[in-house]
Protein backbone atom coordinates (compact mmCIF):
# COMPACT_ATOMS: atom_id res chain seq x y z
CA MET A 1 -7.84 0.69 13.39
CA SER A 2 -6.90 -2.44 11.44
CA ALA A 3 -3.97 -2.74 9.06
CA THR A 4 -6.39 -2.34 6.14
CA SER A 5 -8.06 0.85 7.44
CA PHE A 6 -6.86 4.13 5.95
CA THR A 7 -5.34 6.52 8.50
CA TYR A 8 -3.60 9.86 8.17
CA ASP A 9 -1.28 11.64 10.59
CA ILE A 10 -3.23 14.84 11.22
CA ASP A 11 -1.02 15.71 14.21
CA ASP A 12 2.16 15.74 12.16
CA VAL A 13 0.48 17.68 9.37
CA CYS A 14 -0.64 20.33 11.86
CA PHE A 15 2.88 20.49 13.32
CA SER A 16 4.36 21.15 9.88
CA LEU A 17 1.62 23.53 8.75
CA PHE A 18 1.26 25.65 11.86
CA GLN A 19 4.32 25.26 14.08
CA GLN A 20 7.05 24.82 11.49
CA HIS A 21 5.86 26.73 8.41
CA LYS A 22 3.30 28.93 10.19
CA ILE A 23 1.05 29.11 7.16
CA HIS A 24 -1.78 30.66 9.18
CA GLU A 25 0.48 33.62 10.04
CA ARG A 26 2.36 34.02 6.78
CA LEU A 27 -0.66 33.69 4.52
CA LEU A 28 -2.82 36.05 6.59
CA LYS A 29 -0.48 38.78 5.32
CA LEU A 30 -1.60 38.10 1.75
CA GLU A 31 -4.82 39.80 0.68
CA LYS A 32 -6.03 36.67 -1.12
CA TYR A 33 -5.99 34.61 2.09
CA GLU A 34 -6.70 37.25 4.74
CA ASP A 35 -10.06 35.66 5.63
CA LEU A 36 -8.55 32.23 6.31
CA ASP A 37 -7.21 31.44 9.78
CA ARG A 38 -6.01 28.35 11.62
CA ASP A 39 -9.55 27.41 12.67
CA VAL A 40 -10.64 27.31 9.02
CA TYR A 41 -7.65 25.20 8.03
CA GLU A 42 -8.11 22.73 10.89
CA ALA A 43 -11.84 22.39 10.18
CA THR A 44 -11.01 21.75 6.52
CA LEU A 45 -8.53 19.01 7.47
CA SER A 46 -11.04 17.37 9.78
CA GLU A 47 -13.80 17.27 7.18
CA ALA A 48 -11.39 16.16 4.44
CA TYR A 49 -10.21 13.25 6.59
CA LYS A 50 -13.81 12.11 6.91
CA VAL A 51 -14.21 12.24 3.11
CA ALA A 52 -10.95 10.32 2.59
CA ARG A 53 -12.03 7.51 4.91
CA GLU A 54 -15.72 7.29 4.08
CA VAL A 55 -15.89 8.24 0.38
CA LEU A 56 -12.53 7.60 -1.29
CA HIS A 57 -10.92 4.68 0.50
CA PRO A 58 -13.93 2.34 0.04
CA VAL A 59 -13.52 2.51 -3.78
CA ASN A 60 -9.74 2.05 -3.75
CA LYS A 61 -9.61 -1.75 -3.78
CA THR A 62 -12.62 -2.04 -6.10
CA GLY A 63 -10.91 0.23 -8.60
CA ASP A 64 -7.79 -1.91 -8.51
CA GLU A 65 -9.71 -5.16 -8.96
CA GLN A 66 -12.13 -4.03 -11.67
CA GLY A 67 -10.30 -1.37 -13.64
CA CYS A 68 -12.06 0.54 -16.42
CA THR A 69 -13.87 -0.76 -19.51
CA LEU A 70 -14.25 0.64 -23.04
CA ASP A 71 -17.24 0.25 -25.38
CA GLU A 72 -17.27 0.30 -29.20
CA GLU A 73 -18.16 3.99 -29.31
CA GLY A 74 -15.07 5.01 -27.36
CA ASN A 75 -16.84 5.57 -24.04
CA VAL A 76 -15.13 4.54 -20.80
CA ALA A 77 -16.94 3.12 -17.76
CA THR A 78 -15.21 3.54 -14.40
CA PRO A 79 -15.20 0.86 -11.66
CA GLU A 80 -18.16 0.22 -9.41
CA GLY A 81 -18.70 2.99 -6.90
CA PHE A 82 -16.57 5.62 -8.66
CA LYS A 83 -19.53 7.63 -9.99
CA ASN A 84 -21.22 7.84 -6.58
CA ALA A 85 -17.92 8.74 -4.95
CA TRP A 86 -17.34 11.41 -7.60
CA ASP A 87 -20.73 12.99 -7.01
CA GLU A 88 -20.22 13.08 -3.25
CA PHE A 89 -16.61 14.25 -3.53
CA CYS A 90 -17.35 17.03 -6.01
CA GLY A 91 -20.62 17.92 -4.32
CA GLY A 92 -18.61 18.72 -1.20
CA GLY A 93 -16.38 21.13 -3.13
CA TRP A 94 -13.28 18.92 -2.99
CA ALA A 95 -12.55 18.62 -6.73
CA ALA A 96 -10.48 21.83 -6.80
CA PRO A 97 -9.96 23.25 -3.28
CA GLY A 98 -7.63 25.96 -4.59
CA ALA A 99 -10.03 27.35 -7.19
CA PRO A 100 -11.95 30.57 -6.47
CA PRO A 101 -15.22 29.97 -4.58
CA GLU A 102 -17.23 31.66 -7.35
CA LEU A 103 -15.91 29.00 -9.75
CA GLY A 104 -16.68 25.98 -7.59
CA GLY A 105 -13.55 25.85 -5.43
CA ALA A 106 -12.82 26.74 -1.82
CA GLY A 107 -10.10 29.37 -2.35
CA MET A 108 -7.55 27.34 -0.40
CA PRO A 109 -3.82 28.11 -0.70
CA VAL A 110 -1.42 25.77 -2.47
CA ALA A 111 0.08 24.74 0.89
CA MET A 112 -3.28 23.40 2.03
CA GLY A 113 -3.87 21.85 -1.37
CA VAL A 114 -0.66 19.86 -0.86
CA VAL A 115 -1.83 18.20 2.34
CA LEU A 116 -5.35 17.61 1.02
CA GLN A 117 -3.92 15.91 -2.03
CA GLU A 118 -1.61 13.80 0.14
CA MET A 119 -4.58 12.71 2.21
CA PHE A 120 -6.94 12.04 -0.71
CA SER A 121 -4.34 10.32 -2.91
CA GLY A 122 -3.28 8.11 -0.03
CA ALA A 123 -6.90 7.01 0.30
CA SER A 124 -7.37 6.28 -3.43
CA MET A 125 -4.57 7.13 -5.84
CA ALA A 126 -6.41 6.10 -9.02
CA PHE A 127 -9.58 8.02 -8.19
CA MET A 128 -7.65 11.23 -7.54
CA MET A 129 -6.11 11.15 -11.00
CA TYR A 130 -9.41 12.41 -12.44
CA PRO A 131 -9.93 15.65 -10.45
CA GLY A 132 -6.18 16.36 -10.39
CA LEU A 133 -5.82 16.60 -14.17
CA ALA A 134 -9.19 18.32 -14.61
CA SER A 135 -8.38 21.15 -12.20
CA ALA A 136 -4.93 21.69 -13.73
CA ALA A 137 -6.45 21.88 -17.23
CA ALA A 138 -9.16 24.21 -15.93
CA ARG A 139 -6.57 26.70 -14.67
CA VAL A 140 -5.02 26.95 -18.12
CA LEU A 141 -8.38 27.34 -19.84
CA HIS A 142 -9.63 29.84 -17.29
CA GLU A 143 -6.58 32.02 -17.84
CA PHE A 144 -5.79 31.52 -21.52
CA GLY A 145 -8.76 29.83 -23.19
CA PRO A 146 -11.25 31.47 -25.57
CA GLU A 147 -12.32 34.56 -23.65
CA LYS A 148 -16.08 34.13 -24.08
CA TRP A 149 -15.95 30.77 -22.29
CA ARG A 150 -13.27 31.27 -19.64
CA ASP A 151 -15.38 31.71 -16.52
CA ALA A 152 -18.11 29.30 -17.60
CA ILE A 153 -15.68 26.52 -18.53
CA GLY A 154 -13.69 27.13 -15.36
CA GLU A 155 -16.80 26.71 -13.23
CA LYS A 156 -17.83 23.51 -15.04
CA MET A 157 -14.38 21.94 -14.61
CA PHE A 158 -13.47 23.16 -11.14
CA SER A 159 -16.81 21.94 -9.78
CA GLY A 160 -16.44 18.49 -11.37
CA VAL A 161 -19.34 18.79 -13.82
CA TRP A 162 -16.85 18.54 -16.71
CA GLY A 163 -13.50 16.76 -16.78
CA GLY A 164 -10.20 17.67 -18.39
CA THR A 165 -6.97 16.17 -19.68
CA MET A 166 -3.48 17.12 -20.81
CA CYS A 167 -2.56 15.59 -24.19
CA LEU A 168 1.16 15.80 -24.92
CA THR A 169 2.51 12.32 -25.48
CA GLU A 170 2.57 10.52 -28.82
CA SER A 171 4.16 7.27 -29.88
CA GLY A 172 7.81 8.18 -30.39
CA ALA A 173 7.31 11.59 -28.78
CA GLY A 174 7.18 11.13 -25.04
CA SER A 175 9.91 12.96 -23.17
CA SER A 176 10.90 14.53 -26.51
CA VAL A 177 7.77 16.67 -26.79
CA GLY A 178 9.16 18.62 -29.74
CA ASP A 179 8.79 15.52 -31.94
CA ASN A 180 4.97 15.78 -31.81
CA ARG A 181 3.34 15.04 -35.17
CA CYS A 182 -0.30 15.86 -34.39
CA LYS A 183 -1.55 18.35 -37.02
CA ALA A 184 -3.91 21.32 -36.69
CA THR A 185 -5.35 22.92 -39.83
CA ALA A 186 -7.08 26.30 -39.65
CA THR A 187 -10.67 26.35 -40.90
CA GLY A 188 -10.95 30.12 -41.18
CA ASP A 189 -13.74 30.01 -38.61
CA ASN A 190 -12.66 32.28 -35.75
CA GLY A 191 -9.92 30.23 -34.10
CA VAL A 192 -11.34 26.81 -34.99
CA TYR A 193 -8.92 24.17 -36.30
CA LEU A 194 -9.27 20.58 -37.44
CA LEU A 195 -6.92 18.21 -35.63
CA GLU A 196 -5.51 14.93 -36.85
CA GLY A 197 -3.30 12.54 -34.92
CA GLU A 198 -3.06 10.22 -31.98
CA LYS A 199 -2.17 10.85 -28.35
CA ILE A 200 -1.18 8.12 -25.91
CA PHE A 201 -1.04 7.70 -22.12
CA ILE A 202 -3.90 10.19 -21.67
CA THR A 203 -5.06 10.08 -18.05
CA GLY A 204 -8.83 10.37 -17.81
CA GLY A 205 -9.11 10.47 -21.61
CA ASP A 206 -12.74 9.48 -21.12
CA HIS A 207 -14.96 8.46 -18.21
CA ASP A 208 -18.60 8.27 -17.18
CA MET A 209 -18.47 10.58 -14.15
CA VAL A 210 -18.86 13.86 -16.09
CA SER A 211 -21.02 15.13 -18.96
CA ASN A 212 -18.14 16.48 -21.05
CA ILE A 213 -14.34 16.39 -21.15
CA CYS A 214 -12.07 19.20 -22.32
CA HIS A 215 -8.80 17.92 -23.74
CA LEU A 216 -5.83 20.27 -23.91
CA VAL A 217 -3.95 19.08 -26.99
CA LEU A 218 -0.52 20.05 -28.30
CA ALA A 219 -0.44 20.08 -32.10
CA ARG A 220 1.50 21.68 -34.93
CA THR A 221 -0.17 24.13 -37.30
CA ASP A 222 0.63 24.35 -41.02
CA GLU A 223 4.11 25.72 -41.74
CA ALA A 224 4.94 25.93 -38.01
CA PRO A 225 8.63 25.46 -37.19
CA SER A 226 9.94 22.12 -35.97
CA GLY A 227 10.60 21.35 -32.33
CA THR A 228 8.74 22.70 -29.32
CA LYS A 229 8.67 26.25 -30.74
CA GLY A 230 6.20 25.12 -33.41
CA LEU A 231 3.61 23.63 -31.05
CA SER A 232 0.27 25.25 -30.32
CA LEU A 233 -2.34 24.41 -27.68
CA PHE A 234 -5.96 23.57 -28.46
CA LEU A 235 -9.17 23.02 -26.52
CA VAL A 236 -10.70 19.81 -27.90
CA PRO A 237 -14.00 18.90 -26.19
CA LYS A 238 -15.59 15.46 -26.28
CA TYR A 239 -18.87 17.17 -27.15
CA GLU A 240 -19.09 20.49 -28.97
CA PHE A 241 -20.96 23.24 -27.14
CA ASP A 242 -22.50 26.63 -27.90
CA ASP A 243 -21.83 30.00 -26.30
CA ASN A 244 -24.00 29.00 -23.33
CA LEU A 245 -22.09 25.71 -22.95
CA GLU A 246 -25.10 23.69 -24.03
CA LEU A 247 -23.78 20.40 -25.38
CA GLY A 248 -24.11 19.52 -29.04
CA ALA A 249 -22.63 16.99 -31.45
CA ARG A 250 -19.98 14.43 -30.56
CA ASN A 251 -16.58 15.79 -31.58
CA GLY A 252 -14.05 13.61 -33.39
CA ALA A 253 -11.90 12.82 -30.35
CA HIS A 254 -12.40 9.16 -29.44
CA VAL A 255 -10.69 6.70 -27.14
CA LEU A 256 -9.23 3.94 -29.29
CA LYS A 257 -7.77 1.79 -26.54
CA LEU A 258 -7.41 1.46 -22.77
CA GLU A 259 -3.95 0.62 -21.47
CA HIS A 260 -3.68 -2.36 -19.10
CA LYS A 261 -1.32 -1.20 -16.40
CA MET A 262 0.76 -2.32 -13.45
CA GLY A 263 -1.13 -0.01 -11.08
CA ILE A 264 -3.62 2.89 -10.78
CA LYS A 265 -6.02 0.56 -12.59
CA GLY A 266 -9.10 2.57 -11.68
CA SER A 267 -7.66 5.49 -13.65
CA ALA A 268 -8.48 5.36 -17.38
CA THR A 269 -5.20 5.65 -19.29
CA CYS A 270 -6.25 6.09 -22.91
CA VAL A 271 -5.06 6.14 -26.50
CA LEU A 272 -6.94 9.10 -27.97
CA GLY A 273 -7.61 9.33 -31.70
CA LEU A 274 -8.18 12.79 -33.18
CA GLY A 275 -10.00 13.04 -36.48
CA MET A 276 -10.09 9.26 -37.06
CA ARG A 277 -13.87 8.82 -36.66
CA GLY A 278 -15.01 12.14 -38.03
CA PRO A 279 -13.81 15.78 -37.95
CA CYS A 280 -12.11 16.78 -34.71
CA LYS A 281 -12.56 20.46 -33.90
CA GLY A 282 -10.16 22.33 -31.68
CA TRP A 283 -10.24 25.93 -30.46
CA ILE A 284 -6.83 27.56 -30.13
CA VAL A 285 -5.71 28.48 -26.61
CA GLY A 286 -3.55 31.59 -26.59
CA GLU A 287 -1.69 32.20 -29.85
CA GLU A 288 -0.15 29.90 -32.43
CA CYS A 289 3.24 28.46 -31.38
CA GLN A 290 2.55 29.39 -27.74
CA GLY A 291 1.64 25.83 -26.74
CA ILE A 292 4.66 24.83 -24.68
CA GLU A 293 4.69 28.15 -22.84
CA LEU A 294 1.05 27.71 -21.85
CA MET A 295 1.40 24.01 -21.10
CA PHE A 296 4.15 24.74 -18.63
CA HIS A 297 1.60 26.62 -16.54
CA MET A 298 -0.08 23.24 -16.16
CA MET A 299 3.04 21.09 -16.02
CA ASN A 300 4.63 22.85 -13.04
CA GLU A 301 1.43 22.35 -11.05
CA ALA A 302 1.28 18.77 -12.28
CA ARG A 303 4.89 18.06 -11.26
CA ILE A 304 4.29 19.37 -7.75
CA GLY A 305 1.15 17.23 -7.69
CA VAL A 306 3.02 14.10 -8.74
CA GLY A 307 5.64 14.73 -6.06
CA VAL A 308 2.81 14.87 -3.54
CA GLN A 309 1.44 11.61 -4.95
CA GLY A 310 4.80 10.01 -4.12
CA LEU A 311 4.57 11.43 -0.63
CA ALA A 312 1.00 10.10 -0.37
CA ALA A 313 2.07 6.56 -1.29
CA GLY A 314 4.80 6.67 1.35
CA SER A 315 2.54 8.29 3.93
CA ALA A 316 -0.19 5.67 3.52
CA ALA A 317 2.36 2.82 3.50
CA TYR A 318 3.90 4.04 6.75
CA GLN A 319 0.52 4.30 8.48
CA TYR A 320 -0.47 0.80 7.34
CA SER A 321 2.93 -0.57 8.41
CA LYS A 322 2.80 1.01 11.85
CA SER A 323 -0.71 -0.29 12.48
CA TYR A 324 0.18 -3.80 11.32
CA ALA A 325 3.42 -3.90 13.36
CA LYS A 326 1.50 -3.03 16.52
CA ASP A 327 -1.08 -5.76 15.99
CA ARG A 328 0.93 -8.58 14.43
CA VAL A 329 2.24 -10.98 17.12
CA GLN A 330 5.26 -12.98 16.04
CA GLY A 331 8.13 -14.47 18.06
CA THR A 332 9.60 -13.35 21.34
CA SER A 333 11.65 -10.32 22.23
CA ILE A 334 15.36 -10.55 21.38
CA SER A 335 16.23 -10.66 25.08
CA ASN A 336 14.11 -13.82 25.48
CA ILE A 337 14.90 -15.44 22.16
CA LYS A 338 16.29 -18.63 23.76
CA ASP A 339 13.26 -19.09 26.00
CA ALA A 340 10.72 -21.24 24.15
CA ASN A 341 8.07 -20.37 26.73
CA ALA A 342 8.61 -16.61 26.64
CA PRO A 343 5.53 -14.55 25.79
CA ARG A 344 5.05 -13.68 22.13
CA VAL A 345 5.30 -9.99 21.24
CA SER A 346 4.09 -7.67 18.52
CA ILE A 347 6.62 -7.32 15.72
CA ILE A 348 7.00 -3.63 16.53
CA GLU A 349 9.20 -4.88 19.41
CA HIS A 350 11.73 -6.36 16.97
CA PRO A 351 14.74 -4.09 16.24
CA ASP A 352 14.76 -4.58 12.48
CA VAL A 353 11.07 -3.76 12.20
CA ARG A 354 11.64 -0.62 14.27
CA ARG A 355 14.51 0.32 11.93
CA MET A 356 12.23 -0.06 8.91
CA LEU A 357 9.46 1.96 10.54
CA MET A 358 11.94 4.68 11.46
CA SER A 359 13.21 4.92 7.91
CA GLN A 360 9.62 5.25 6.69
CA LYS A 361 8.76 7.85 9.33
CA VAL A 362 11.78 10.05 8.66
CA LEU A 363 11.35 10.06 4.91
CA VAL A 364 7.61 10.72 5.04
CA GLU A 365 7.83 13.55 7.54
CA THR A 366 10.71 15.33 5.78
CA MET A 367 9.08 14.93 2.36
CA ARG A 368 5.84 16.35 3.79
CA SER A 369 7.74 19.31 5.18
CA LEU A 370 9.37 19.95 1.81
CA ALA A 371 6.06 19.70 -0.06
CA ILE A 372 4.37 22.16 2.29
CA ARG A 373 7.35 24.54 2.00
CA VAL A 374 7.14 24.50 -1.80
CA GLY A 375 3.37 25.02 -1.66
CA LEU A 376 3.65 27.92 0.79
CA GLU A 377 6.38 29.64 -1.19
CA ALA A 378 4.38 29.17 -4.40
CA ASP A 379 1.51 31.03 -2.69
CA ILE A 380 3.81 33.85 -1.58
CA ALA A 381 5.53 34.03 -4.98
CA GLU A 382 2.17 34.63 -6.64
CA HIS A 383 0.38 36.86 -4.17
CA SER A 384 2.86 38.84 -2.05
CA LYS A 385 3.00 42.61 -2.64
CA ASP A 386 6.70 42.61 -1.67
CA GLU A 387 8.63 42.24 -4.92
CA ALA A 388 11.79 40.98 -3.23
CA GLU A 389 9.82 38.35 -1.31
CA ARG A 390 8.00 37.28 -4.46
CA THR A 391 11.25 36.91 -6.36
CA SER A 392 12.99 34.97 -3.58
CA CYS A 393 10.10 32.52 -3.21
CA HIS A 394 9.66 32.11 -6.95
CA GLU A 395 13.34 31.25 -7.38
CA ARG A 396 13.28 28.73 -4.55
CA VAL A 397 10.17 27.05 -5.96
CA ASP A 398 11.73 26.97 -9.42
CA LEU A 399 14.80 25.20 -8.06
CA LEU A 400 12.94 22.79 -5.81
CA VAL A 401 10.16 21.58 -8.17
CA PRO A 402 12.32 18.96 -9.96
CA ILE A 403 13.70 17.85 -6.57
CA LEU A 404 10.23 17.60 -5.04
CA LYS A 405 8.91 15.64 -8.01
CA SER A 406 11.84 13.21 -8.15
CA VAL A 407 12.81 12.73 -4.53
CA CYS A 408 9.24 12.30 -3.29
CA THR A 409 8.36 9.80 -6.02
CA ASP A 410 11.56 7.76 -5.65
CA ARG A 411 11.65 7.82 -1.86
CA GLY A 412 7.86 7.44 -1.60
CA PHE A 413 8.15 4.27 -3.67
CA ASP A 414 10.97 3.09 -1.38
CA VAL A 415 8.75 3.64 1.66
CA ALA A 416 5.95 1.64 0.01
CA VAL A 417 8.38 -1.22 -0.76
CA THR A 418 9.55 -1.15 2.85
CA GLY A 419 5.88 -1.44 3.84
CA VAL A 420 5.65 -4.77 2.02
CA GLN A 421 8.73 -5.91 3.94
CA VAL A 422 7.20 -4.91 7.27
CA PHE A 423 4.09 -6.97 6.47
CA GLY A 424 6.25 -9.91 5.43
CA GLY A 425 4.46 -12.56 3.37
CA TYR A 426 1.10 -10.88 3.95
CA GLY A 427 2.43 -7.72 2.30
CA TYR A 428 2.84 -9.62 -0.97
CA ILE A 429 -0.79 -10.64 -1.28
CA GLY A 430 -3.84 -8.58 -2.16
CA GLU A 431 -5.56 -9.00 1.20
CA TYR A 432 -3.51 -6.08 2.49
CA PRO A 433 -3.14 -2.69 0.76
CA VAL A 434 0.64 -2.21 0.65
CA GLU A 435 1.26 -4.31 -2.48
CA GLN A 436 -1.22 -2.11 -4.36
CA LEU A 437 0.59 1.00 -3.14
CA VAL A 438 3.84 -0.31 -4.63
CA ARG A 439 2.16 -0.90 -7.98
CA ASP A 440 0.31 2.41 -7.92
CA ALA A 441 3.41 4.37 -6.94
CA LYS A 442 5.85 3.11 -9.57
CA ILE A 443 4.44 5.24 -12.37
CA GLN A 444 5.09 8.43 -10.43
CA SER A 445 8.81 8.50 -11.24
CA ILE A 446 7.92 8.13 -14.93
CA TYR A 447 5.02 10.40 -15.85
CA GLU A 448 4.92 14.22 -15.96
CA GLY A 449 8.57 14.11 -17.03
CA THR A 450 10.64 11.12 -15.93
CA ASN A 451 12.93 11.68 -13.00
CA GLY A 452 15.81 11.58 -15.47
CA ILE A 453 14.21 14.54 -17.26
CA GLN A 454 13.80 16.31 -13.92
CA ALA A 455 17.51 15.79 -13.27
CA LEU A 456 18.40 17.27 -16.67
CA ASP A 457 16.13 20.24 -15.91
CA LEU A 458 17.82 20.77 -12.55
CA LEU A 459 21.39 20.38 -13.73
CA GLY A 460 21.11 21.72 -17.26
CA ARG A 461 18.78 24.66 -16.62
CA LYS A 462 17.96 25.52 -13.01
CA MET A 463 21.57 25.31 -11.80
CA ARG A 464 22.68 27.62 -14.61
CA ILE A 465 20.13 30.41 -14.15
CA GLY A 466 21.88 33.63 -13.23
CA GLY A 467 25.23 31.91 -13.06
CA GLY A 468 24.05 29.58 -10.30
CA LYS A 469 22.00 32.22 -8.46
CA LEU A 470 19.14 29.90 -7.52
CA PHE A 471 21.49 27.33 -6.02
CA MET A 472 23.54 29.94 -4.15
CA ASN A 473 20.37 31.44 -2.69
CA TYR A 474 19.25 28.01 -1.50
CA MET A 475 22.67 27.42 0.06
CA GLN A 476 22.29 30.69 1.96
CA PHE A 477 18.80 29.70 3.13
CA ALA A 478 20.03 26.26 4.22
CA ASN A 479 23.12 27.62 5.94
CA GLU A 480 20.99 29.93 8.07
CA ILE A 481 19.12 26.89 9.40
CA ILE A 482 22.42 25.00 9.83
CA GLU A 483 23.94 27.82 11.87
CA ARG A 484 20.85 27.95 14.09
CA GLY A 485 21.21 24.22 14.57
CA LYS A 486 24.83 24.54 15.64
CA ALA A 487 23.86 27.18 18.20
CA SER A 488 20.95 25.12 19.58
CA GLY A 489 22.55 21.86 20.60
CA PHE A 490 22.55 20.07 17.24
CA GLU A 491 26.22 20.65 16.47
CA ALA A 492 27.07 17.23 15.05
CA GLU A 493 23.91 16.93 12.97
CA SER A 494 24.19 20.48 11.63
CA ALA A 495 27.85 19.98 10.74
CA ALA A 496 27.01 16.77 8.86
CA ILE A 497 24.30 18.50 6.81
CA GLY A 498 26.57 21.47 6.17
CA LYS A 499 29.37 19.23 4.93
CA ALA A 500 26.99 17.33 2.65
CA LEU A 501 25.73 20.64 1.25
CA GLN A 502 29.31 21.71 0.52
CA ASN A 503 29.91 18.39 -1.22
CA VAL A 504 26.86 19.01 -3.42
CA GLY A 505 28.24 22.43 -4.30
CA ALA A 506 31.66 20.96 -5.12
CA SER A 507 29.97 18.31 -7.28
CA ALA A 508 28.10 21.02 -9.19
CA MET A 509 31.39 22.77 -9.92
CA PHE A 510 33.02 19.48 -10.96
CA ILE A 511 30.19 18.70 -13.37
CA ALA A 512 30.34 22.24 -14.77
CA SER A 513 34.06 21.83 -15.44
CA ILE A 514 33.38 18.63 -17.40
CA GLY A 515 30.73 20.38 -19.47
CA GLN A 516 32.95 23.37 -20.12
CA GLY A 517 35.58 20.93 -21.35
CA GLY A 518 33.20 19.86 -24.10
CA LYS A 519 32.16 16.54 -22.55
CA LEU A 520 28.44 17.23 -22.24
CA ASP A 521 27.48 13.54 -22.25
CA ALA A 522 29.88 12.86 -19.39
CA ALA A 523 28.52 15.85 -17.48
CA MET A 524 24.89 14.76 -17.87
CA LEU A 525 25.79 11.20 -16.90
CA ASN A 526 25.82 12.65 -13.39
CA ALA A 527 22.45 14.40 -13.57
CA VAL A 528 20.41 11.83 -11.62
CA PRO A 529 23.12 11.15 -8.99
CA PHE A 530 23.43 14.91 -8.51
CA LEU A 531 19.69 15.40 -8.08
CA ASN A 532 19.53 12.54 -5.57
CA ALA A 533 22.48 13.87 -3.58
CA PHE A 534 20.97 17.34 -3.53
CA GLY A 535 17.57 15.86 -2.63
CA TYR A 536 18.92 14.04 0.41
CA VAL A 537 20.50 17.28 1.62
CA VAL A 538 17.24 19.17 1.09
CA LEU A 539 15.40 16.58 3.20
CA GLY A 540 18.16 16.85 5.81
CA VAL A 541 17.59 20.60 6.05
CA GLU A 542 13.89 19.92 6.62
CA ALA A 543 14.74 17.39 9.37
CA LEU A 544 16.97 19.95 11.09
CA ASP A 545 14.36 22.71 10.79
CA GLN A 546 11.71 20.45 12.31
CA ALA A 547 13.96 19.45 15.20
CA LEU A 548 14.67 23.12 15.92
CA VAL A 549 10.96 23.96 15.87
CA ALA A 550 10.17 21.05 18.21
CA GLN A 551 12.90 22.08 20.63
CA THR A 552 11.79 25.71 20.60
CA ALA A 553 8.14 24.76 21.14
CA ALA A 554 9.12 22.81 24.24
CA ALA A 555 10.53 26.06 25.70
CA GLY A 556 12.93 24.30 28.03
CA ALA A 557 10.34 21.84 29.34
CA GLU A 558 10.43 18.12 28.72
CA LEU A 559 9.76 17.36 25.07
CA SER A 560 6.47 15.71 24.14
CA GLN A 561 6.46 12.35 22.37
CA HIS A 562 5.97 14.06 19.00
CA GLN A 563 8.74 16.57 19.70
CA ARG A 564 11.11 13.79 20.76
CA GLY A 565 10.26 12.10 17.48
CA LYS A 566 11.50 15.13 15.53
CA VAL A 567 14.81 15.13 17.38
CA ALA A 568 15.16 11.38 16.81
CA ASN A 569 14.32 11.92 13.13
CA LEU A 570 17.25 14.31 12.80
CA LYS A 571 19.71 11.92 14.42
CA PHE A 572 18.52 8.98 12.31
CA PHE A 573 18.59 11.02 9.12
CA THR A 574 22.09 12.36 9.57
CA THR A 575 23.57 8.99 10.55
CA GLN A 576 21.56 6.58 8.38
CA VAL A 577 20.24 8.52 5.35
CA LEU A 578 22.49 11.51 4.74
CA PRO A 579 25.64 9.40 4.13
CA GLN A 580 24.00 8.36 0.85
CA ALA A 581 24.36 11.96 -0.33
CA VAL A 582 28.05 11.95 0.56
CA ALA A 583 28.57 8.66 -1.27
CA LEU A 584 26.84 10.02 -4.37
CA THR A 585 29.00 13.15 -4.43
CA LYS A 586 32.13 11.00 -4.18
CA SER A 587 30.85 8.91 -7.07
CA ILE A 588 30.20 12.03 -9.14
CA GLN A 589 33.65 13.46 -8.46
CA SER A 590 35.34 10.20 -9.41
CA GLY A 591 34.86 11.24 -13.03
CA ASP A 592 33.87 7.74 -14.12
CA ASP A 593 32.23 7.76 -17.55
CA SER A 594 32.38 4.04 -18.33
CA PRO A 595 28.70 3.81 -19.45
CA LEU A 596 29.62 6.00 -22.43
CA ALA A 597 32.02 3.45 -23.91
CA ALA A 598 30.98 3.16 -27.56
CA ASP A 599 30.82 -0.64 -27.84
CA LEU A 600 29.71 -1.46 -24.31
CA PHE A 601 26.21 -2.61 -25.25
CA ASP A 602 26.84 -3.98 -28.76
């Protein structure tokens, strides 16, 4: 494979899926997945890898170079090759692998959806924006949309015949969703409203790969209260349709502008005008003023998905970097550096390159483990018949979603940046794919709730639920792994992770004391540092768990290369990465609030 060929680490994915998290055993206990075994999962991975390499990756560079175009009627054309790729991708049932088979999906669990999304997004990030948003919107409509259309719309969207979007953001109302000004006026016609307003940053707001697009739009009805409590959710199709879903007149939802972006250029990011070129009809989803509640069904899925996108950027960057470092010959080995006639070696022989590759490897493999864990526990939380198990998994997912979204997007971006460094000067030019990964990945820490918003959610809401119950339960879960580590030959590494976890707990108490003292701004000044510190510890727990699994699998025999890699990961993480968590907790507990000085930025 060349340094421009897309590759994916199937072996490590299988280790995490089947040896570490044992999804084939744990999910077989759930009635929904009792017909799926390891053979099915492995066959799915194998076929998906073929699709990623042969269908998606070939359109990745074209999408970046060409971008999308908009005509005068508000219709968007995607880059060359996207439509053919879409037809092949959706024709194979890959648009929504987790959807029920009768609705066009494959009935796959969330845990498998995580690794499929990592693989597909790594092959072509911009392309995967289209099916990702459509399937998330389809889930909301299938569950809460107008009852007469639920199954039919679900099948159209899950199978990729129709597309879908999520329309929250307005100018001046981005992270502050409650400031939405879009209006919805009842017509008296059985749940039909007329919408007026403008939505911005709408991913897939229009494109030429589907026959219709269903927008999910947040808007405020007449006399609704201010803030998020007054928002309702509406189905706004590009084309109206009858009870049989036969398409009719063009609805008054038109793309007014395409944004010109730093990355994901093959993804149409649109300004959507509602009611500006004719009446815009919307059908209410759920009840009036239920919009945010329903949208959160989509947003949680979307936030997990964005976290996986961050993982995908890092995963692809690491694979490209490793391949390039093996092939790129430059200089001599350090031991022969003074010998002008010494043989030239691949740069993978140079210590600093190996350090960079190791940092990429450790972050990617621990982020992957975390993403699969969250996916698996989301499956169990929804489908287990054991109430205690459902509750435990639901609480852990609730706590970890903002960490997954933020840590994987920030660290995934870091891994992509490191990839450019590994490539050297060639990494900075478009001939090689890592510079595109950096540009594509940067948005991930911004959309679906900036990482600052995720930190506020973690610190201001999740950490307070049940008087800190979610955090205490995670500490118990982590400490069980730490104690097993201490008893299995990883005393130093386990102790380091345990100490860092205690420091995170102490930092949480310190921040709480500031807030209780009435200094809420000073408390929330620490939200992002706290999330990052906690995130590093969470990844450390995953590194320890993987090392324990690798050691156990060896059963006293000599460890395989992959198993040795997991043990090395743990040592590298605890000595080179984990100290960042300790430094952050010290910073938090310093009590510094200098950014809040009133005249600092005058």
